[in-house]
Amino acid sequence: MTSTDGGTAVADFTPEQIARARALRRAQLPAVLGGRVAGLALVLALGLTPGGARLTALFGDSWALRILGGGLLLVLLNTLLSLPFAARVRVVRVRFGLVTQGWAGWAADVLRGLLVSVPLLLAALYAVYALAGAARWWWAWSALGAALAAVVLSWLAPVLLEPLFNRFTPMEPGPLRDRLLALADRDGIPVRHVLVADASRRTTALNAYVSGFGRTRRIVAYDTLLSTAEPREVELVVAHELGHVKHRDVLHGTVLGALGGAVGVCLLAAVVQWQPLLDAAGVGDFADPRSMWLLAAVAAVGSAAAGPFGCALSRRIERRADVHALELTADPAHFIAMQRRLTVANIGDPSPPRLLHLLFGTHPTPAERIAAAREAAVTARP
């Protein structure tokens, strides 16, 4: 596989840095891909055969118990299957110095994730199967529910979900806080809070983001970023994140997520009611909760197929945020320094293989971002 802009990568990073990033990629890629393939294989094996229906039937004839037991089993089997692959990725990242959290903390995070995802999944299953059994146009109501859920979760995530996984403390008053607030003010973006996330208890990776809407909007910086990067580089990271707010990427993403969820539900409904698939799954009617493994299989295939398109859209949005940061700060030199620091600290590959980047890359490559900053610097010269 060819790499993206390898010449720039060689010029901006040492051979040791490039070799280390590629060693990390080679070490964790089999487990990352293996976990995805194994999860897809599980739902296909049980969703496109009577196996899933038989497992769900073990919970008796009660409609409610079949959904409860079948949904819990669906999550449990997927989680148990994915854990060895996730643990292997963690072992690799520990070896490369990216993980600071112990196994107990990691297990607690897995449990927190389940405590969030399981109620949401069960609520969705109960709603879908209740509608499927009661309304001819159940798919339309389900699509509306999916759209509303996307909007509600987007609004609630910063307030309710983020604190479950990180502790946030106000940034102490000082020059950096003042500069970040002044940066947002110059950008015309109201920001009420500047917070510090205790990312160092999990990782050495560097990051920052802007989250929330209206009164809940806040700038969040990883403590690892604050302890490692120069203040001007922190400003450049935040300027990029403000670009997402300026272009209303969160709002547009929420709307797109709502529309995508609605369209996805409609497509799912069309596929899971196709009689040959129902026959293969050993179910006579989709309204029977025993069809949930078929629903999971179709959803997994759709998600895998849509993944590269979502990544392409994400890369475009991130490029636009980079342009915004360069225009807001007029400082391509520190932008380049910031990209170098982030890439080295996060052990990112400056120019990953093109196919992998097209399939899974959510941001432009570091080499591409640095090249764009140099081009902006040349353009800005009188």
Protein backbone atom coordinates (compact mmCIF):
# COMPACT_ATOMS: atom_id res chain seq x y z
CA MET A 1 0.00 0.00 0.00
CA THR A 2 1.27 3.46 -0.87
CA SER A 3 1.55 6.19 1.74
CA THR A 4 0.01 9.66 1.71
CA ASP A 5 2.54 12.42 1.06
CA GLY A 6 5.52 10.41 2.31
CA GLY A 7 8.06 13.02 1.16
CA THR A 8 6.68 15.65 3.52
CA ALA A 9 6.66 13.14 6.36
CA VAL A 10 10.36 12.42 5.87
CA ALA A 11 11.15 16.14 5.89
CA ASP A 12 9.22 16.98 9.06
CA PHE A 13 9.77 13.92 11.23
CA THR A 14 12.87 11.96 12.10
CA PRO A 15 13.32 8.41 10.79
CA GLU A 16 12.99 7.18 14.38
CA GLN A 17 9.66 8.96 14.86
CA ILE A 18 8.28 7.58 11.60
CA ALA A 19 9.52 4.08 12.38
CA ARG A 20 7.98 4.18 15.87
CA ALA A 21 4.59 5.29 14.54
CA ARG A 22 4.57 2.60 11.88
CA ALA A 23 5.63 -0.03 14.41
CA LEU A 24 2.66 0.95 16.58
CA ARG A 25 0.32 0.73 13.61
CA ARG A 26 1.61 -2.68 12.59
CA ALA A 27 1.39 -3.98 16.15
CA GLN A 28 -2.18 -2.93 16.87
CA LEU A 29 -3.77 -3.17 13.41
CA PRO A 30 -4.36 -6.97 13.50
CA ALA A 31 -6.26 -6.69 16.79
CA VAL A 32 -8.22 -3.63 15.67
CA LEU A 33 -9.29 -5.21 12.38
CA GLY A 34 -9.70 -8.62 14.00
CA GLY A 35 -12.14 -7.21 16.55
CA ARG A 36 -14.23 -5.59 13.84
CA VAL A 37 -14.28 -8.70 11.68
CA ALA A 38 -15.10 -10.96 14.64
CA GLY A 39 -17.99 -8.74 15.74
CA LEU A 40 -19.42 -8.64 12.23
CA ALA A 41 -18.99 -12.40 11.85
CA LEU A 42 -20.86 -13.03 15.12
CA VAL A 43 -23.97 -11.05 14.19
CA LEU A 44 -23.98 -12.45 10.66
CA ALA A 45 -23.65 -16.02 11.93
CA LEU A 46 -26.53 -15.61 14.38
CA GLY A 47 -28.61 -13.12 12.39
CA LEU A 48 -28.66 -14.88 9.04
CA THR A 49 -29.32 -18.31 10.54
CA PRO A 50 -31.92 -19.56 13.05
CA GLY A 51 -29.21 -19.49 15.75
CA GLY A 52 -30.09 -16.01 16.98
CA ALA A 53 -33.79 -16.76 17.08
CA ARG A 54 -33.16 -19.91 19.10
CA LEU A 55 -31.03 -18.04 21.62
CA THR A 56 -33.70 -15.37 22.06
CA ALA A 57 -36.40 -18.03 22.45
CA LEU A 58 -34.55 -19.38 25.50
CA PHE A 59 -36.03 -16.49 27.50
CA GLY A 60 -39.56 -17.89 27.22
CA ASP A 61 -42.69 -16.84 25.39
CA SER A 62 -43.04 -13.44 27.02
CA TRP A 63 -42.54 -10.61 24.53
CA ALA A 64 -41.00 -8.35 27.17
CA LEU A 65 -38.63 -11.02 28.51
CA ARG A 66 -37.48 -11.97 25.03
CA ILE A 67 -36.51 -8.38 24.33
CA LEU A 68 -34.84 -7.96 27.73
CA GLY A 69 -32.98 -11.26 27.66
CA GLY A 70 -32.21 -11.19 23.96
CA GLY A 71 -30.94 -7.60 24.12
CA LEU A 72 -28.73 -8.34 27.12
CA LEU A 73 -27.38 -11.47 25.42
CA LEU A 74 -26.69 -9.51 22.25
CA VAL A 75 -24.60 -6.99 24.20
CA LEU A 76 -22.94 -9.63 26.37
CA LEU A 77 -21.78 -11.85 23.52
CA ASN A 78 -20.50 -8.90 21.51
CA THR A 79 -18.67 -7.52 24.54
CA LEU A 80 -17.10 -10.84 25.47
CA LEU A 81 -15.97 -11.37 21.90
CA SER A 82 -14.48 -7.88 21.59
CA LEU A 83 -12.69 -7.80 24.95
CA PRO A 84 -9.66 -9.94 23.97
CA PHE A 85 -9.05 -7.77 20.89
CA ALA A 86 -9.47 -4.55 22.89
CA ALA A 87 -7.17 -5.90 25.59
CA ARG A 88 -4.54 -6.73 22.99
CA VAL A 89 -4.70 -3.18 21.61
CA ARG A 90 -4.31 -1.89 25.14
CA VAL A 91 -1.26 -4.09 25.77
CA VAL A 92 0.36 -2.72 22.63
CA ARG A 93 -0.39 0.88 23.57
CA VAL A 94 0.98 0.31 27.07
CA ARG A 95 4.19 -0.99 25.52
CA PHE A 96 4.47 2.19 23.47
CA GLY A 97 3.84 4.40 26.50
CA LEU A 98 0.41 5.71 25.46
CA VAL A 99 -1.58 4.21 28.33
CA THR A 100 -1.21 5.24 31.97
CA GLN A 101 -4.34 3.58 33.34
CA GLY A 102 -4.28 0.23 35.13
CA TRP A 103 -6.39 -2.78 34.23
CA ALA A 104 -8.90 -2.02 37.01
CA GLY A 105 -9.50 1.45 35.61
CA TRP A 106 -9.86 0.04 32.12
CA ALA A 107 -12.41 -2.52 33.34
CA ALA A 108 -14.31 0.25 35.14
CA ASP A 109 -14.49 2.24 31.88
CA VAL A 110 -15.82 -0.83 30.05
CA LEU A 111 -18.48 -1.21 32.74
CA ARG A 112 -19.40 2.50 32.53
CA GLY A 113 -19.77 2.14 28.77
CA LEU A 114 -22.13 -0.79 29.26
CA LEU A 115 -24.16 1.11 31.85
CA VAL A 116 -24.72 3.79 29.23
CA SER A 117 -25.19 1.64 26.12
CA VAL A 118 -27.34 -1.17 27.51
CA PRO A 119 -30.29 1.00 28.66
CA LEU A 120 -30.19 2.91 25.37
CA LEU A 121 -30.20 -0.31 23.34
CA LEU A 122 -33.00 -1.88 25.37
CA ALA A 123 -35.10 1.27 25.11
CA ALA A 124 -34.62 1.27 21.33
CA LEU A 125 -35.52 -2.44 21.04
CA TYR A 126 -38.67 -2.09 23.16
CA ALA A 127 -39.76 0.93 21.12
CA VAL A 128 -39.10 -0.70 17.73
CA TYR A 129 -40.80 -3.99 18.53
CA ALA A 130 -43.75 -2.31 20.24
CA LEU A 131 -44.29 -0.18 17.14
CA ALA A 132 -43.70 -3.11 14.76
CA GLY A 133 -46.41 -5.10 16.52
CA ALA A 134 -48.93 -2.27 16.73
CA ALA A 135 -48.58 0.04 13.74
CA ARG A 136 -48.48 -0.57 10.01
CA TRP A 137 -46.22 2.46 9.55
CA TRP A 138 -43.97 1.43 12.45
CA TRP A 139 -40.85 2.19 10.45
CA ALA A 140 -41.88 5.85 10.04
CA TRP A 141 -42.42 6.29 13.77
CA SER A 142 -39.16 4.47 14.47
CA ALA A 143 -37.33 6.77 12.06
CA LEU A 144 -38.77 9.79 13.85
CA GLY A 145 -37.69 8.32 17.19
CA ALA A 146 -34.16 7.74 15.90
CA ALA A 147 -33.92 11.34 14.72
CA LEU A 148 -35.14 12.69 18.06
CA ALA A 149 -32.76 10.43 19.97
CA ALA A 150 -29.81 11.74 17.95
CA VAL A 151 -30.74 15.33 18.80
CA VAL A 152 -31.35 14.65 22.51
CA LEU A 153 -28.10 12.69 22.95
CA SER A 154 -26.13 15.40 21.18
CA TRP A 155 -27.43 17.98 23.66
CA LEU A 156 -27.09 15.81 26.76
CA ALA A 157 -23.70 14.21 26.07
CA PRO A 158 -21.53 17.13 27.27
CA VAL A 159 -23.55 17.50 30.48
CA LEU A 160 -24.39 13.91 31.41
CA LEU A 161 -22.10 11.51 29.53
CA GLU A 162 -18.69 13.22 29.41
CA PRO A 163 -18.45 13.50 33.24
CA LEU A 164 -18.88 9.72 33.51
CA PHE A 165 -15.49 9.15 31.91
CA ASN A 166 -13.43 12.20 32.91
CA ARG A 167 -13.18 14.67 35.75
CA PHE A 168 -13.32 18.31 34.74
CA THR A 169 -11.91 21.18 36.77
CA PRO A 170 -11.94 24.89 35.91
CA MET A 171 -8.68 26.13 34.45
CA GLU A 172 -6.96 28.37 36.95
CA PRO A 173 -7.10 32.08 36.16
CA GLY A 174 -4.01 33.16 34.30
CA PRO A 175 -2.54 34.21 30.96
CA LEU A 176 -3.43 31.02 29.09
CA ARG A 177 -7.06 31.04 30.20
CA ASP A 178 -7.33 34.71 29.29
CA ARG A 179 -5.81 34.06 25.87
CA LEU A 180 -8.18 31.20 25.14
CA LEU A 181 -11.22 33.25 26.11
CA ALA A 182 -9.91 36.19 24.08
CA LEU A 183 -9.40 33.86 21.11
CA ALA A 184 -13.03 32.70 21.32
CA ASP A 185 -14.22 36.29 21.74
CA ARG A 186 -12.25 37.39 18.68
CA ASP A 187 -13.89 34.54 16.80
CA GLY A 188 -17.33 35.74 17.90
CA ILE A 189 -18.05 32.56 19.87
CA PRO A 190 -19.48 32.89 23.41
CA VAL A 191 -17.68 30.55 25.78
CA ARG A 192 -18.55 30.46 29.47
CA HIS A 193 -16.03 27.97 30.82
CA VAL A 194 -12.49 26.74 30.23
CA LEU A 195 -12.05 23.29 31.76
CA VAL A 196 -9.20 20.85 32.20
CA ALA A 197 -9.88 17.12 31.71
CA ASP A 198 -7.84 14.64 33.73
CA ALA A 199 -6.83 12.63 30.66
CA SER A 200 -3.43 11.78 32.17
CA ARG A 201 -4.97 9.09 34.35
CA ARG A 202 -5.67 7.16 31.16
CA THR A 203 -3.26 8.26 28.47
CA THR A 204 -0.30 10.38 27.43
CA ALA A 205 -2.11 11.51 24.25
CA LEU A 206 -2.72 15.23 23.69
CA ASN A 207 -6.04 16.79 22.74
CA ALA A 208 -8.55 19.58 23.34
CA TYR A 209 -12.10 20.21 22.18
CA VAL A 210 -15.06 22.57 22.44
CA SER A 211 -18.37 21.01 23.46
CA GLY A 212 -21.88 22.00 24.46
CA PHE A 213 -24.44 24.47 23.20
CA GLY A 214 -25.32 27.93 24.48
CA ARG A 215 -24.85 28.11 28.25
CA THR A 216 -23.16 24.70 28.36
CA ARG A 217 -20.47 25.55 25.78
CA ARG A 218 -16.96 25.11 27.14
CA ILE A 219 -13.39 24.78 26.00
CA VAL A 220 -11.87 21.55 27.34
CA ALA A 221 -8.12 20.92 27.30
CA TYR A 222 -6.44 17.67 28.26
CA ASP A 223 -4.08 18.11 31.20
CA THR A 224 -1.51 16.23 29.10
CA LEU A 225 -1.67 18.99 26.48
CA LEU A 226 -1.26 21.74 29.05
CA SER A 227 1.75 20.06 30.64
CA THR A 228 3.48 19.32 27.33
CA ALA A 229 2.72 21.93 24.68
CA GLU A 230 3.67 25.57 24.55
CA PRO A 231 0.82 28.03 25.26
CA ARG A 232 0.76 29.19 21.63
CA GLU A 233 0.39 25.59 20.47
CA VAL A 234 -2.51 25.13 22.89
CA GLU A 235 -4.11 28.19 21.31
CA LEU A 236 -3.70 26.64 17.85
CA VAL A 237 -5.41 23.42 18.97
CA VAL A 238 -8.29 25.41 20.47
CA ALA A 239 -8.50 27.60 17.35
CA HIS A 240 -9.04 24.44 15.30
CA GLU A 241 -11.80 23.35 17.67
CA LEU A 242 -13.40 26.79 17.54
CA GLY A 243 -13.50 26.30 13.78
CA HIS A 244 -15.95 23.46 14.32
CA VAL A 245 -18.17 25.79 16.33
CA LYS A 246 -17.82 28.66 13.85
CA HIS A 247 -18.92 26.43 10.99
CA ARG A 248 -21.63 24.88 13.19
CA ASP A 249 -20.18 21.42 12.68
CA VAL A 250 -21.76 20.09 15.88
CA LEU A 251 -25.17 21.44 14.87
CA HIS A 252 -24.79 20.20 11.31
CA GLY A 253 -23.49 16.88 12.61
CA THR A 254 -26.51 16.57 14.88
CA VAL A 255 -28.88 17.34 12.01
CA LEU A 256 -27.00 14.98 9.71
CA GLY A 257 -27.01 12.31 12.43
CA ALA A 258 -30.75 12.74 12.88
CA LEU A 259 -31.40 12.51 9.14
CA GLY A 260 -28.97 9.63 8.78
CA GLY A 261 -30.60 7.81 11.67
CA ALA A 262 -34.05 8.28 10.16
CA VAL A 263 -32.97 7.16 6.69
CA GLY A 264 -31.01 4.27 8.18
CA VAL A 265 -34.05 3.04 10.08
CA CYS A 266 -36.15 3.19 6.92
CA LEU A 267 -33.55 1.18 5.00
CA LEU A 268 -33.23 -1.30 7.85
CA ALA A 269 -36.99 -1.73 7.94
CA ALA A 270 -37.08 -2.44 4.23
CA VAL A 271 -34.34 -5.07 4.47
CA VAL A 272 -35.39 -6.87 7.65
CA GLN A 273 -38.92 -7.36 6.32
CA TRP A 274 -37.63 -9.13 3.21
CA GLN A 275 -39.07 -12.62 3.50
CA PRO A 276 -36.02 -14.58 2.31
CA LEU A 277 -33.96 -13.00 5.12
CA LEU A 278 -36.69 -13.69 7.67
CA ASP A 279 -36.79 -17.30 6.49
CA ALA A 280 -33.01 -17.57 6.81
CA ALA A 281 -33.25 -16.20 10.36
CA GLY A 282 -35.98 -18.69 11.25
CA VAL A 283 -38.56 -15.97 11.95
CA GLY A 284 -41.95 -15.58 10.28
CA ASP A 285 -42.47 -11.90 11.02
CA PHE A 286 -40.11 -9.09 11.98
CA ALA A 287 -42.43 -8.06 14.84
CA ASP A 288 -41.28 -11.23 16.62
CA PRO A 289 -38.41 -10.17 18.97
CA ARG A 290 -36.51 -13.28 17.89
CA SER A 291 -35.59 -11.27 14.79
CA MET A 292 -33.32 -8.91 16.77
CA TRP A 293 -30.16 -10.75 15.67
CA LEU A 294 -31.21 -10.27 12.06
CA LEU A 295 -31.74 -6.57 12.84
CA ALA A 296 -28.26 -6.42 14.40
CA ALA A 297 -26.70 -8.16 11.40
CA VAL A 298 -28.25 -5.81 8.86
CA ALA A 299 -27.35 -2.77 10.98
CA ALA A 300 -23.74 -3.96 11.28
CA VAL A 301 -23.38 -4.43 7.53
CA GLY A 302 -24.90 -1.01 6.90
CA SER A 303 -22.59 0.61 9.43
CA ALA A 304 -19.52 -1.03 7.91
CA ALA A 305 -20.55 0.05 4.41
CA ALA A 306 -21.21 3.65 5.50
CA GLY A 307 -17.98 3.93 7.50
CA PRO A 308 -15.64 5.10 4.69
CA PHE A 309 -18.16 7.73 3.57
CA GLY A 310 -18.41 9.06 7.11
CA CYS A 311 -14.61 9.18 7.34
CA ALA A 312 -14.39 11.11 4.06
CA LEU A 313 -16.90 13.66 5.36
CA SER A 314 -15.01 13.94 8.64
CA ARG A 315 -11.72 14.60 6.84
CA ARG A 316 -13.34 17.38 4.85
CA ILE A 317 -14.72 18.99 8.03
CA GLU A 318 -11.35 18.72 9.77
CA ARG A 319 -9.58 20.37 6.82
CA ARG A 320 -12.01 23.28 7.04
CA ALA A 321 -11.33 23.62 10.78
CA ASP A 322 -7.58 23.69 10.03
CA VAL A 323 -8.13 26.52 7.56
CA HIS A 324 -10.14 28.38 10.18
CA ALA A 325 -7.36 28.00 12.76
CA LEU A 326 -4.80 29.35 10.32
CA GLU A 327 -6.99 32.30 9.41
CA LEU A 328 -7.87 33.08 13.03
CA THR A 329 -4.30 32.96 14.32
CA ALA A 330 -2.32 33.90 11.19
CA ASP A 331 0.43 31.71 12.63
CA PRO A 332 1.30 28.81 10.29
CA ALA A 333 4.68 28.32 11.96
CA HIS A 334 3.15 27.44 15.33
CA PHE A 335 0.41 25.46 13.57
CA ILE A 336 3.13 23.28 12.04
CA ALA A 337 4.87 22.99 15.41
CA MET A 338 1.58 22.00 17.00
CA GLN A 339 0.96 19.31 14.37
CA ARG A 340 4.44 17.91 14.89
CA ARG A 341 4.00 17.81 18.66
CA LEU A 342 0.57 16.14 18.47
CA THR A 343 1.80 13.58 15.96
CA VAL A 344 4.90 12.65 17.94
CA ALA A 345 3.15 12.60 21.33
CA ASN A 346 0.22 10.53 20.01
CA ILE A 347 2.63 8.33 18.00
CA GLY A 348 0.66 9.02 14.84
CA ASP A 349 1.85 7.92 11.43
CA PRO A 350 2.65 11.09 9.45
CA SER A 351 1.77 9.37 6.17
CA PRO A 352 -0.23 6.15 6.69
CA PRO A 353 -1.01 3.73 3.85
CA ARG A 354 -3.49 5.34 1.50
CA LEU A 355 -6.05 2.53 1.59
CA LEU A 356 -6.13 2.42 5.40
CA HIS A 357 -6.46 6.18 5.51
CA LEU A 358 -9.35 6.18 3.04
CA LEU A 359 -11.18 3.46 4.95
CA PHE A 360 -10.58 4.56 8.54
CA GLY A 361 -8.93 7.99 8.64
CA THR A 362 -11.12 10.67 10.24
CA HIS A 363 -8.57 13.50 9.91
CA PRO A 364 -6.18 14.58 7.18
CA THR A 365 -2.77 13.00 7.66
CA PRO A 366 -0.21 15.04 9.61
CA ALA A 367 1.83 15.38 6.42
CA GLU A 368 -1.19 16.80 4.59
CA ARG A 369 -1.98 19.25 7.41
CA ILE A 370 1.58 20.52 7.57
CA ALA A 371 1.72 20.89 3.79
CA ALA A 372 -1.54 22.90 3.88
CA ALA A 373 -0.09 25.19 6.56
CA ARG A 374 3.01 25.82 4.45
CA GLU A 375 0.85 26.60 1.45
CA ALA A 376 -1.17 29.04 3.57
CA ALA A 377 2.04 30.72 4.69
CA VAL A 378 3.18 31.20 1.10
CA THR A 379 -0.22 32.53 0.06
CA ALA A 380 -0.27 35.02 2.93
CA ARG A 381 3.05 36.59 2.00
CA PRO A 382 2.76 40.07 0.44
